[in-house]
Protein backbone atom coordinates (compact mmCIF):
# COMPACT_ATOMS: atom_id res chain seq x y z
CA UNK A 1 8.47 -18.21 31.48
CA UNK A 2 7.51 -19.04 27.92
CA UNK A 3 9.57 -18.21 24.82
CA UNK A 4 7.35 -16.11 22.54
CA UNK A 5 7.24 -16.40 18.76
CA UNK A 6 7.96 -13.64 16.25
CA UNK A 7 5.48 -13.48 13.34
CA UNK A 8 6.90 -11.54 10.39
CA UNK A 9 4.45 -10.20 7.80
CA UNK A 10 6.49 -10.50 4.59
CA UNK A 11 3.85 -11.20 1.93
CA UNK A 12 3.57 -7.59 0.74
CA UNK A 13 5.40 -6.04 -2.16
CA UNK A 14 5.86 -2.40 -1.05
CA UNK A 15 4.36 -0.65 -4.06
CA UNK A 16 5.77 2.77 -3.24
CA UNK A 17 9.28 1.40 -2.76
CA UNK A 18 9.10 -0.50 -6.04
CA UNK A 19 10.81 -3.79 -5.15
CA UNK A 20 10.74 -6.73 -2.79
CA UNK A 21 12.16 -4.63 0.02
CA UNK A 22 11.89 -7.56 2.48
CA UNK A 23 15.08 -8.90 0.86
CA UNK A 24 16.89 -5.60 0.27
CA UNK A 25 20.28 -5.15 1.90
CA UNK A 26 20.66 -2.24 4.33
CA UNK A 27 23.51 -3.46 6.59
CA UNK A 28 27.27 -3.33 5.88
CA UNK A 29 27.32 -6.98 4.74
CA UNK A 30 24.02 -6.91 2.87
CA UNK A 31 21.89 -7.62 5.96
CA UNK A 32 18.20 -6.92 5.42
CA UNK A 33 15.90 -5.27 7.94
CA UNK A 34 14.61 -8.78 8.65
CA UNK A 35 18.08 -9.81 9.81
CA UNK A 36 18.13 -7.07 12.43
CA UNK A 37 14.58 -7.94 13.52
CA UNK A 38 15.47 -11.60 14.03
CA UNK A 39 18.74 -10.70 15.75
CA UNK A 40 16.89 -8.43 18.20
CA UNK A 41 14.21 -11.07 18.76
CA UNK A 42 16.80 -13.73 19.60
CA UNK A 43 18.45 -11.59 22.26
CA UNK A 44 15.00 -10.64 23.60
CA UNK A 45 14.26 -14.33 24.28
CA UNK A 46 12.07 -15.30 21.32
CA UNK A 47 12.24 -18.99 20.45
CA UNK A 48 10.77 -19.14 16.94
CA UNK A 49 10.21 -16.94 13.91
CA UNK A 50 7.34 -17.54 11.47
CA UNK A 51 7.39 -15.78 8.10
CA UNK A 52 4.15 -15.05 6.24
CA UNK A 53 5.07 -15.08 2.55
CA UNK A 54 3.54 -15.88 -0.83
CA UNK A 55 4.21 -18.87 -3.04
CA UNK A 56 5.24 -16.59 -5.91
CA UNK A 57 8.56 -15.70 -4.25
CA UNK A 58 8.81 -18.49 -1.66
CA UNK A 59 11.86 -20.22 -3.18
CA UNK A 60 13.94 -17.03 -3.24
CA UNK A 61 12.82 -15.97 0.21
CA UNK A 62 13.38 -19.31 1.93
CA UNK A 63 16.80 -19.64 0.32
CA UNK A 64 17.85 -16.40 2.01
CA UNK A 65 15.97 -16.32 5.33
CA UNK A 66 16.36 -19.70 7.00
CA UNK A 67 17.63 -21.27 10.22
CA UNK A 68 21.10 -21.72 8.75
CA UNK A 69 21.41 -18.02 7.97
CA UNK A 70 20.49 -17.18 11.57
CA UNK A 71 23.09 -19.56 12.94
CA UNK A 72 20.41 -22.04 14.04
CA UNK A 73 19.81 -19.73 17.01
CA UNK A 74 16.05 -19.68 16.43
CA UNK A 75 13.49 -22.06 14.90
CA UNK A 76 12.13 -20.96 11.51
CA UNK A 77 8.79 -21.74 9.85
CA UNK A 78 6.91 -20.41 6.81
CA UNK A 79 3.20 -19.96 6.13
CA UNK A 80 1.53 -18.59 3.02
CA UNK A 81 -0.99 -15.82 2.46
CA UNK A 82 -2.94 -16.16 -0.77
CA UNK A 83 -6.14 -14.53 -1.98
CA UNK A 84 -8.07 -17.80 -1.94
CA UNK A 85 -7.31 -18.53 1.76
CA UNK A 86 -10.92 -17.97 2.81
CA UNK A 87 -13.24 -19.65 5.32
CA UNK A 88 -15.61 -22.37 4.17
CA UNK A 89 -18.64 -20.92 2.44
CA UNK A 90 -16.84 -17.97 0.83
CA UNK A 91 -15.47 -17.80 -2.71
CA UNK A 92 -12.83 -15.47 -4.11
CA UNK A 93 -14.35 -12.80 -6.38
CA UNK A 94 -12.89 -13.23 -9.87
CA UNK A 95 -11.71 -9.62 -10.11
CA UNK A 96 -10.08 -9.51 -6.67
CA UNK A 97 -6.35 -8.71 -6.87
CA UNK A 98 -5.68 -6.84 -3.62
CA UNK A 99 -4.55 -8.91 -0.60
CA UNK A 100 -7.02 -9.27 2.26
CA UNK A 101 -4.89 -7.25 4.66
CA UNK A 102 -2.58 -7.58 7.64
CA UNK A 103 -4.93 -9.42 9.98
CA UNK A 104 -5.68 -11.97 7.27
CA UNK A 105 -1.90 -12.48 7.09
CA UNK A 106 -1.76 -13.06 10.85
CA UNK A 107 -4.49 -15.70 10.56
CA UNK A 108 -2.31 -17.79 8.25
CA UNK A 109 -0.14 -18.74 11.25
CA UNK A 110 -2.93 -20.20 13.37
CA UNK A 111 -1.74 -23.79 12.89
CA UNK A 112 1.91 -23.18 13.79
CA UNK A 113 1.70 -20.82 16.79
CA UNK A 114 0.49 -22.03 20.18
CA UNK A 115 2.28 -19.53 22.41
CA UNK A 116 2.21 -15.75 22.92
CA UNK A 117 3.53 -14.04 19.81
CA UNK A 118 4.60 -10.66 18.46
CA UNK A 119 3.65 -9.40 15.01
CA UNK A 120 5.91 -7.16 12.93
CA UNK A 121 6.17 -5.78 9.43
CA UNK A 122 9.10 -7.20 7.49
CA UNK A 123 10.18 -3.77 6.28
CA UNK A 124 10.21 -1.85 9.58
CA UNK A 125 13.26 -1.45 11.82
CA UNK A 126 11.85 -1.42 15.36
CA UNK A 127 15.03 -1.22 17.44
CA UNK A 128 16.48 -3.40 20.17
CA UNK A 129 14.43 -1.94 23.02
CA UNK A 130 11.14 -2.50 21.20
CA UNK A 131 11.77 -6.25 21.07
CA UNK A 132 13.08 -6.36 24.64
CA UNK A 133 9.95 -4.63 25.97
CA UNK A 134 7.43 -6.77 24.13
CA UNK A 135 9.42 -9.98 24.59
CA UNK A 136 9.49 -9.48 28.35
CA UNK A 137 5.74 -8.84 28.47
CA UNK A 138 4.81 -11.83 26.31
CA UNK A 139 7.10 -14.22 28.17
CA UNK A 140 4.87 -13.85 31.23
CA UNK A 141 1.58 -14.69 29.48
CA UNK A 142 1.74 -18.49 29.18
CA UNK A 143 -1.80 -19.84 29.45
CA UNK A 144 -3.37 -16.36 29.38
CA UNK A 145 -6.22 -15.25 27.17
CA UNK A 146 -7.17 -11.79 26.00
CA UNK A 147 -4.07 -10.05 27.36
CA UNK A 148 -2.68 -8.31 24.30
CA UNK A 149 -0.10 -5.58 23.96
CA UNK A 150 1.53 -3.25 21.48
CA UNK A 151 4.64 -1.10 21.48
CA UNK A 152 3.70 2.55 21.19
CA UNK A 153 6.30 4.70 19.44
CA UNK A 154 6.40 8.45 19.89
CA UNK A 155 5.12 9.92 16.65
CA UNK A 156 8.12 12.25 16.41
CA UNK A 157 10.37 9.18 16.13
CA UNK A 158 8.45 7.65 13.20
CA UNK A 159 8.47 10.37 10.55
CA UNK A 160 10.09 10.40 7.12
CA UNK A 161 12.04 13.34 5.74
CA UNK A 162 10.91 12.37 2.24
CA UNK A 163 7.12 12.59 2.46
CA UNK A 164 4.07 12.07 4.61
CA UNK A 165 3.35 8.85 6.52
CA UNK A 166 0.27 7.09 7.85
CA UNK A 167 0.14 6.06 11.52
CA UNK A 168 -2.36 4.54 13.92
CA UNK A 169 -2.75 7.26 16.57
CA UNK A 170 -3.47 5.70 19.97
CA UNK A 171 -5.53 6.84 22.93
CA UNK A 172 -4.47 5.28 26.23
CA UNK A 173 -6.34 5.14 29.56
CA UNK A 174 -4.92 5.72 33.03
CA UNK A 175 -3.95 2.05 33.38
CA UNK A 176 -1.87 2.09 30.23
CA UNK A 177 -4.40 0.21 28.09
CA UNK A 178 -5.41 1.15 24.56
CA UNK A 179 -8.91 2.62 24.28
CA UNK A 180 -8.88 3.48 20.57
CA UNK A 181 -6.67 3.57 17.51
CA UNK A 182 -7.41 5.96 14.65
CA UNK A 183 -5.55 5.81 11.36
CA UNK A 184 -4.21 9.23 10.46
CA UNK A 185 -2.82 9.75 6.98
CA UNK A 186 -0.44 12.39 5.67
CA UNK A 187 1.48 12.97 8.90
CA UNK A 188 4.59 15.14 8.61
CA UNK A 189 6.52 17.91 10.33
CA UNK A 190 5.58 21.38 9.13
CA UNK A 191 7.44 24.43 10.44
CA UNK A 192 8.68 22.43 13.41
CA UNK A 193 5.29 20.97 14.38
CA UNK A 194 4.00 17.43 13.77
CA UNK A 195 0.66 17.65 11.95
CA UNK A 196 -1.73 15.49 9.98
CA UNK A 197 -3.89 16.63 7.05
CA UNK A 198 -6.82 14.21 7.08
CA UNK A 199 -9.46 16.91 6.91
CA UNK A 200 -7.58 19.33 4.71
CA UNK A 201 -6.28 21.48 7.57
CA UNK A 202 -3.03 21.09 9.51
CA UNK A 203 -4.09 19.41 12.76
CA UNK A 204 -1.27 19.20 15.32
CA UNK A 205 -0.09 16.09 17.16
CA UNK A 206 1.99 16.23 20.34
CA UNK A 207 5.56 15.03 19.79
CA UNK A 208 5.13 12.13 22.25
CA UNK A 209 1.75 10.96 20.94
CA UNK A 210 1.88 7.14 20.92
CA UNK A 211 1.38 5.60 17.50
CA UNK A 212 1.20 2.04 16.29
CA UNK A 213 3.90 0.75 13.97
CA UNK A 214 2.30 -2.70 13.78
CA UNK A 215 4.42 -4.13 16.61
CA UNK A 216 1.66 -6.05 18.38
CA UNK A 217 1.64 -8.87 20.90
CA UNK A 218 -1.12 -11.47 21.22
CA UNK A 219 -2.02 -14.66 23.02
CA UNK A 220 -3.13 -17.55 20.77
CA UNK A 221 -6.86 -16.96 21.37
CA UNK A 222 -6.47 -14.02 19.00
CA UNK A 223 -6.69 -16.49 16.12
CA UNK A 224 -10.14 -17.68 17.26
CA UNK A 225 -11.49 -14.13 17.49
CA UNK A 226 -9.98 -13.24 14.11
CA UNK A 227 -11.52 -16.22 12.37
CA UNK A 228 -14.97 -15.40 13.72
CA UNK A 229 -14.80 -11.70 12.86
CA UNK A 230 -13.28 -12.33 9.43
CA UNK A 231 -16.45 -14.16 8.46
CA UNK A 232 -18.51 -11.12 9.48
CA UNK A 233 -16.11 -8.89 7.58
CA UNK A 234 -16.39 -10.99 4.42
CA UNK A 235 -20.16 -11.15 4.61
CA UNK A 236 -20.26 -7.36 4.58
CA UNK A 237 -17.31 -6.58 2.28
CA UNK A 238 -16.51 -9.45 -0.07
CA UNK A 239 -17.82 -7.58 -3.10
CA UNK A 240 -15.66 -4.56 -2.26
CA UNK A 241 -12.52 -5.40 -4.20
CA UNK A 242 -10.40 -2.95 -2.16
CA UNK A 243 -11.57 -3.89 1.32
CA UNK A 244 -8.87 -5.14 3.71
CA UNK A 245 -9.00 -6.90 7.07
CA UNK A 246 -6.43 -4.87 8.99
CA UNK A 247 -4.98 -5.61 12.44
CA UNK A 248 -6.25 -2.29 13.90
CA UNK A 249 -9.78 -3.18 12.76
CA UNK A 250 -9.60 -6.44 14.71
CA UNK A 251 -7.94 -4.80 17.71
CA UNK A 252 -10.62 -2.12 17.94
CA UNK A 253 -13.25 -4.85 17.75
CA UNK A 254 -11.96 -6.92 20.69
CA UNK A 255 -11.33 -3.82 22.80
CA UNK A 256 -14.74 -2.32 22.10
CA UNK A 257 -16.65 -5.49 22.94
CA UNK A 258 -14.51 -6.20 26.02
CA UNK A 259 -13.04 -9.46 24.73
CA UNK A 260 -9.47 -8.35 25.43
CA UNK A 261 -7.28 -5.59 26.76
CA UNK A 262 -4.24 -4.19 25.00
CA UNK A 263 -1.43 -2.75 27.10
CA UNK A 264 0.51 0.02 25.37
CA UNK A 265 4.19 -0.52 26.12
CA UNK A 266 6.63 2.39 25.99
CA UNK A 267 10.01 2.13 24.32
CA UNK A 268 13.13 4.24 24.04
CA UNK A 269 13.72 2.87 20.52
CA UNK A 270 13.58 4.89 17.35
CA UNK A 271 11.64 3.41 14.44
CA UNK A 272 13.21 3.40 10.99
CA UNK A 273 11.59 2.31 7.77
CA UNK A 274 11.74 2.52 4.02
CA UNK A 275 8.48 4.16 3.07
CA UNK A 276 10.15 5.84 0.10
CA UNK A 277 13.24 4.89 -1.90
CA UNK A 278 14.95 8.02 -0.60
CA UNK A 279 14.65 6.66 2.97
CA UNK A 280 17.12 3.83 2.34
CA UNK A 281 20.39 5.81 2.53
CA UNK A 282 19.21 7.40 5.78
CA UNK A 283 18.34 4.00 7.25
CA UNK A 284 21.75 2.63 6.27
CA UNK A 285 23.42 5.61 7.96
CA UNK A 286 21.38 5.04 11.14
CA UNK A 287 22.40 1.38 11.23
CA UNK A 288 26.04 2.39 10.83
CA UNK A 289 25.62 4.76 13.80
CA UNK A 290 24.15 1.93 15.90
CA UNK A 291 27.05 -0.35 14.94
CA UNK A 292 29.56 2.33 15.91
CA UNK A 293 27.73 2.74 19.24
CA UNK A 294 28.05 -0.99 19.93
CA UNK A 295 24.33 -1.73 19.54
CA UNK A 296 24.99 -4.31 16.81
CA UNK A 297 28.07 -6.21 15.59
CA UNK A 298 29.31 -5.26 12.15
CA UNK A 299 28.53 -8.76 10.90
CA UNK A 300 25.32 -10.01 12.52
CA UNK A 301 25.71 -13.70 11.84
CA UNK A 302 29.48 -14.17 11.81
C-alpha cells in the first residue's frame, strides 16, 4: 500500500474573512485549521504534505508550517502559485489580478507529487473521518490511472449560521460514482429546510444531499489531463480577467469524456469552516468539544 500525499491549497487570501486565515489560530494553543488537517492526515497514513502558497507571504508561512512544527512526522514541501505560471505560448494579460483558480493551484505540484494525493482547502476543517476515508481509498491506488475520488459531505453538515454558502451539489450513480457537480450559490436553512436561491426562488435540497467541499483524491495522471485542458481553457478565456480554472470544471471534463471515474466517498464527519468572521468562535467551540470527546489532544504537537 502506498502512502498518499496531502496537497493543501493555501495561496488564497479569503477576502470575506479579511485576513490570512490559513495562519489564524483556532485551537487552544493557537493551532490553525492547517494543524488539525495535517494531524488527521498523519494518522490516516499520509506520508507527505505539499503546500501551495505565494511568494508574497512565503517566509511567514514556511516559518510557521514546517516539518519541525509537525514533529517531523510527515515530509513537507512548498510550491508556488503565481499569475504568470502559464504554459508556453501564453502571456499574462497586463490587467489580470485574479488568481487562475483552484485547479491551476493543483497543477503547481506536478513536479513534486508522483503518488495518489488528496487536495484540500487550507481554511476548511474536514474532520478525522474524512481523512481516514480518503486516505484508505488512495492508499490502494498505486500505479492506477483515472481512478479519482472525493469525500461527499451531507449538505446539512456544511452550512453557516452567519450567511449563505456556495457548494458543489453532486449527482451520484448506482455504483457510487459522480455523474455531475453543479455549483449552487446562496445555500442556507430557511424555516427548517435547506434551500438554494440561484434562480430567485427557494429551491429545496434534501438534508443528505452530497456536496463537494474540495476534498478530492487523484492519481498523478490528473496533472497531465489538467495541463492539456488548461491550454484549451486559456485559449478560450485568457482575455476574461475574472475567469478561473476550478477543480470542478476539470472534474466534470474528465468524467464527461470518460477519461476517469470519481468515486463519491461517504463520511460521518462534520465540516467546519470560516466563511465569515462570525464563524470563528463557533469553530473554536466545536474544536473544544472534539478535544473534550477525546478526538484530539489538547496540544496537537506536544
